[in-house]
C-alpha atoms as a PDB file:
ATOM      1  CA  UNK A   1      13.895  -0.643  27.126  1.00  0.00           C
ATOM      2  CA  UNK A   2      12.810   0.124  23.579  1.00  0.00           C
ATOM      3  CA  UNK A   3      12.446  -2.390  20.794  1.00  0.00           C
ATOM      4  CA  UNK A   4      13.242  -1.919  17.139  1.00  0.00           C
ATOM      5  CA  UNK A   5      12.043  -3.707  14.062  1.00  0.00           C
ATOM      6  CA  UNK A   6      13.596  -3.464  10.638  1.00  0.00           C
ATOM      7  CA  UNK A   7      11.778  -3.562   7.308  1.00  0.00           C
ATOM      8  CA  UNK A   8      14.005  -3.986   4.267  1.00  0.00           C
ATOM      9  CA  UNK A   9      12.827  -3.393   0.689  1.00  0.00           C
ATOM     10  CA  UNK A  10      14.878  -4.594  -2.243  1.00  0.00           C
ATOM     11  CA  UNK A  11      13.996  -3.548  -5.802  1.00  0.00           C
ATOM     12  CA  UNK A  12      15.522  -5.174  -8.881  1.00  0.00           C
ATOM     13  CA  UNK A  13      15.607  -2.873 -11.929  1.00  0.00           C
ATOM     14  CA  UNK A  14      16.000  -3.597 -15.615  1.00  0.00           C
ATOM     15  CA  UNK A  15      18.261  -1.654 -17.977  1.00  0.00           C
ATOM     16  CA  UNK A  16      15.666   1.176 -18.206  1.00  0.00           C
ATOM     17  CA  UNK A  17      15.503   1.479 -14.388  1.00  0.00           C
ATOM     18  CA  UNK A  18      12.016  -0.107 -14.339  1.00  0.00           C
ATOM     19  CA  UNK A  19      11.277  -2.426 -11.389  1.00  0.00           C
ATOM     20  CA  UNK A  20      11.183  -6.104 -12.360  1.00  0.00           C
ATOM     21  CA  UNK A  21      11.104  -7.520  -8.835  1.00  0.00           C
ATOM     22  CA  UNK A  22      10.171  -6.155  -5.418  1.00  0.00           C
ATOM     23  CA  UNK A  23      11.061  -8.099  -2.288  1.00  0.00           C
ATOM     24  CA  UNK A  24      10.579  -7.065   1.309  1.00  0.00           C
ATOM     25  CA  UNK A  25      11.800  -8.545   4.539  1.00  0.00           C
ATOM     26  CA  UNK A  26      10.594  -7.838   8.064  1.00  0.00           C
ATOM     27  CA  UNK A  27      11.257  -9.022  11.586  1.00  0.00           C
ATOM     28  CA  UNK A  28       8.512 -11.222  13.012  1.00  0.00           C
ATOM     29  CA  UNK A  29       8.271 -13.184  16.261  1.00  0.00           C
ATOM     30  CA  UNK A  30       9.286 -16.249  14.206  1.00  0.00           C
ATOM     31  CA  UNK A  31      12.315 -14.463  12.725  1.00  0.00           C
ATOM     32  CA  UNK A  32      12.906 -12.642   9.461  1.00  0.00           C
ATOM     33  CA  UNK A  33      10.288 -13.259   6.784  1.00  0.00           C
ATOM     34  CA  UNK A  34      10.971 -12.458   3.111  1.00  0.00           C
ATOM     35  CA  UNK A  35       8.122 -11.940   0.621  1.00  0.00           C
ATOM     36  CA  UNK A  36       7.820 -10.916  -3.018  1.00  0.00           C
ATOM     37  CA  UNK A  37       5.419  -8.217  -4.190  1.00  0.00           C
ATOM     38  CA  UNK A  38       4.312  -6.894  -7.563  1.00  0.00           C
ATOM     39  CA  UNK A  39       3.722  -3.347  -6.309  1.00  0.00           C
ATOM     40  CA  UNK A  40       4.201  -1.083  -3.318  1.00  0.00           C
ATOM     41  CA  UNK A  41       2.886   2.272  -2.158  1.00  0.00           C
ATOM     42  CA  UNK A  42       4.894   3.860   0.640  1.00  0.00           C
ATOM     43  CA  UNK A  43       4.083   7.233   2.199  1.00  0.00           C
ATOM     44  CA  UNK A  44       6.194   8.750   4.948  1.00  0.00           C
ATOM     45  CA  UNK A  45       5.034  11.906   6.705  1.00  0.00           C
ATOM     46  CA  UNK A  46       8.109  14.013   7.306  1.00  0.00           C
ATOM     47  CA  UNK A  47       8.253  15.405  10.854  1.00  0.00           C
ATOM     48  CA  UNK A  48      10.187  18.560  10.015  1.00  0.00           C
ATOM     49  CA  UNK A  49       8.685  19.611   6.671  1.00  0.00           C
ATOM     50  CA  UNK A  50       5.173  18.255   7.402  1.00  0.00           C
ATOM     51  CA  UNK A  51       5.132  16.958   3.836  1.00  0.00           C
ATOM     52  CA  UNK A  52       4.740  13.463   2.447  1.00  0.00           C
ATOM     53  CA  UNK A  53       7.582  11.512   0.867  1.00  0.00           C
ATOM     54  CA  UNK A  54       6.135   8.846  -1.432  1.00  0.00           C
ATOM     55  CA  UNK A  55       7.559   5.846  -3.213  1.00  0.00           C
ATOM     56  CA  UNK A  56       5.124   4.125  -5.560  1.00  0.00           C
ATOM     57  CA  UNK A  57       6.570   1.228  -7.529  1.00  0.00           C
ATOM     58  CA  UNK A  58       5.158  -1.628  -9.573  1.00  0.00           C
ATOM     59  CA  UNK A  59       6.821  -4.368 -11.549  1.00  0.00           C
ATOM     60  CA  UNK A  60       6.636  -4.866 -15.282  1.00  0.00           C
ATOM     61  CA  UNK A  61       4.376  -7.903 -14.872  1.00  0.00           C
ATOM     62  CA  UNK A  62       1.679  -6.165 -12.795  1.00  0.00           C
ATOM     63  CA  UNK A  63      -1.621  -6.363 -14.657  1.00  0.00           C
ATOM     64  CA  UNK A  64      -4.134  -3.494 -14.680  1.00  0.00           C
ATOM     65  CA  UNK A  65      -6.694  -5.647 -12.840  1.00  0.00           C
ATOM     66  CA  UNK A  66      -4.094  -6.235 -10.109  1.00  0.00           C
ATOM     67  CA  UNK A  67      -3.429  -2.487  -9.847  1.00  0.00           C
ATOM     68  CA  UNK A  68      -7.199  -1.970  -9.561  1.00  0.00           C
ATOM     69  CA  UNK A  69      -7.287  -4.421  -6.644  1.00  0.00           C
ATOM     70  CA  UNK A  70      -4.289  -2.766  -4.986  1.00  0.00           C
ATOM     71  CA  UNK A  71      -5.869   0.683  -5.217  1.00  0.00           C
ATOM     72  CA  UNK A  72      -9.296  -0.565  -4.076  1.00  0.00           C
ATOM     73  CA  UNK A  73      -7.931  -2.261  -0.957  1.00  0.00           C
ATOM     74  CA  UNK A  74      -5.614   0.690  -0.275  1.00  0.00           C
ATOM     75  CA  UNK A  75      -8.539   3.136  -0.418  1.00  0.00           C
ATOM     76  CA  UNK A  76     -10.538   0.962   1.993  1.00  0.00           C
ATOM     77  CA  UNK A  77      -7.573   0.698   4.324  1.00  0.00           C
ATOM     78  CA  UNK A  78      -6.908   4.449   4.216  1.00  0.00           C
ATOM     79  CA  UNK A  79     -10.512   5.140   5.258  1.00  0.00           C
ATOM     80  CA  UNK A  80     -10.116   2.760   8.213  1.00  0.00           C
ATOM     81  CA  UNK A  81      -6.747   4.244   9.173  1.00  0.00           C
ATOM     82  CA  UNK A  82      -8.100   7.775   8.948  1.00  0.00           C
ATOM     83  CA  UNK A  83     -11.029   6.881  11.219  1.00  0.00           C
ATOM     84  CA  UNK A  84      -8.786   5.152  13.779  1.00  0.00           C
ATOM     85  CA  UNK A  85      -6.515   8.200  13.930  1.00  0.00           C
ATOM     86  CA  UNK A  86      -9.156  10.951  13.909  1.00  0.00           C
ATOM     87  CA  UNK A  87     -12.492   9.365  14.901  1.00  0.00           C
ATOM     88  CA  UNK A  88     -13.983  11.473  12.063  1.00  0.00           C
ATOM     89  CA  UNK A  89     -16.795   9.127  11.073  1.00  0.00           C
ATOM     90  CA  UNK A  90     -18.342  11.459   8.489  1.00  0.00           C
ATOM     91  CA  UNK A  91     -15.209  11.941   6.409  1.00  0.00           C
ATOM     92  CA  UNK A  92     -14.091   8.309   6.717  1.00  0.00           C
ATOM     93  CA  UNK A  93     -17.563   7.289   5.528  1.00  0.00           C
ATOM     94  CA  UNK A  94     -17.131   9.499   2.435  1.00  0.00           C
ATOM     95  CA  UNK A  95     -13.762   7.864   1.815  1.00  0.00           C
ATOM     96  CA  UNK A  96     -15.315   4.389   2.109  1.00  0.00           C
ATOM     97  CA  UNK A  97     -18.081   5.400  -0.308  1.00  0.00           C
ATOM     98  CA  UNK A  98     -15.483   6.405  -2.871  1.00  0.00           C
ATOM     99  CA  UNK A  99     -13.686   3.078  -2.367  1.00  0.00           C
ATOM    100  CA  UNK A 100     -16.975   1.275  -3.086  1.00  0.00           C
ATOM    101  CA  UNK A 101     -17.502   3.451  -6.174  1.00  0.00           C
ATOM    102  CA  UNK A 102     -13.969   2.627  -7.353  1.00  0.00           C
ATOM    103  CA  UNK A 103     -14.568  -1.089  -6.742  1.00  0.00           C
ATOM    104  CA  UNK A 104     -17.829  -1.033  -8.681  1.00  0.00           C
ATOM    105  CA  UNK A 105     -16.376   1.017 -11.540  1.00  0.00           C
ATOM    106  CA  UNK A 106     -13.396  -1.314 -11.965  1.00  0.00           C
ATOM    107  CA  UNK A 107     -15.660  -4.367 -11.587  1.00  0.00           C
ATOM    108  CA  UNK A 108     -13.460  -5.895  -8.889  1.00  0.00           C
ATOM    109  CA  UNK A 109     -15.828  -5.305  -5.976  1.00  0.00           C
ATOM    110  CA  UNK A 110     -17.711  -8.585  -6.358  1.00  0.00           C
ATOM    111  CA  UNK A 111     -14.450 -10.507  -6.655  1.00  0.00           C
ATOM    112  CA  UNK A 112     -12.932  -8.648  -3.691  1.00  0.00           C
ATOM    113  CA  UNK A 113     -15.705  -9.172  -1.132  1.00  0.00           C
END
C-alpha cells in the first residue's frame, strides 16, 4: 500500500501579476496545515528531460534583508542536501564555505546563528 501527501500552493497576484500573498497547505499527521510565506523557491528535476523546472516567487512586502536570510539558509540547506545525496564531503564543504561567505557579506550571519 502506498501513501500520498498533497502540498498545495496558492499565490495571490495584483493587477500587474506580482505576488502579494503566498499560502501553502500540506498534509500532516494532525491534518491539513495552512501557512503564509513571503517567498518560495521551488525546483523540480524533470525525469524525462533531466532539466530543472523552477518557480521562484516573492511578495511585494519582502524586504531585502529577508531575501538575504532566505538565500543564506537555502544555500546552507542545499549543501546539506547535496552531501546527504552524494556523500561528496569536499564539494559540500565548498558549498558551505560559500554560504558562510554570503552570510558574512550580507551581515546576517551573526543574527542567523
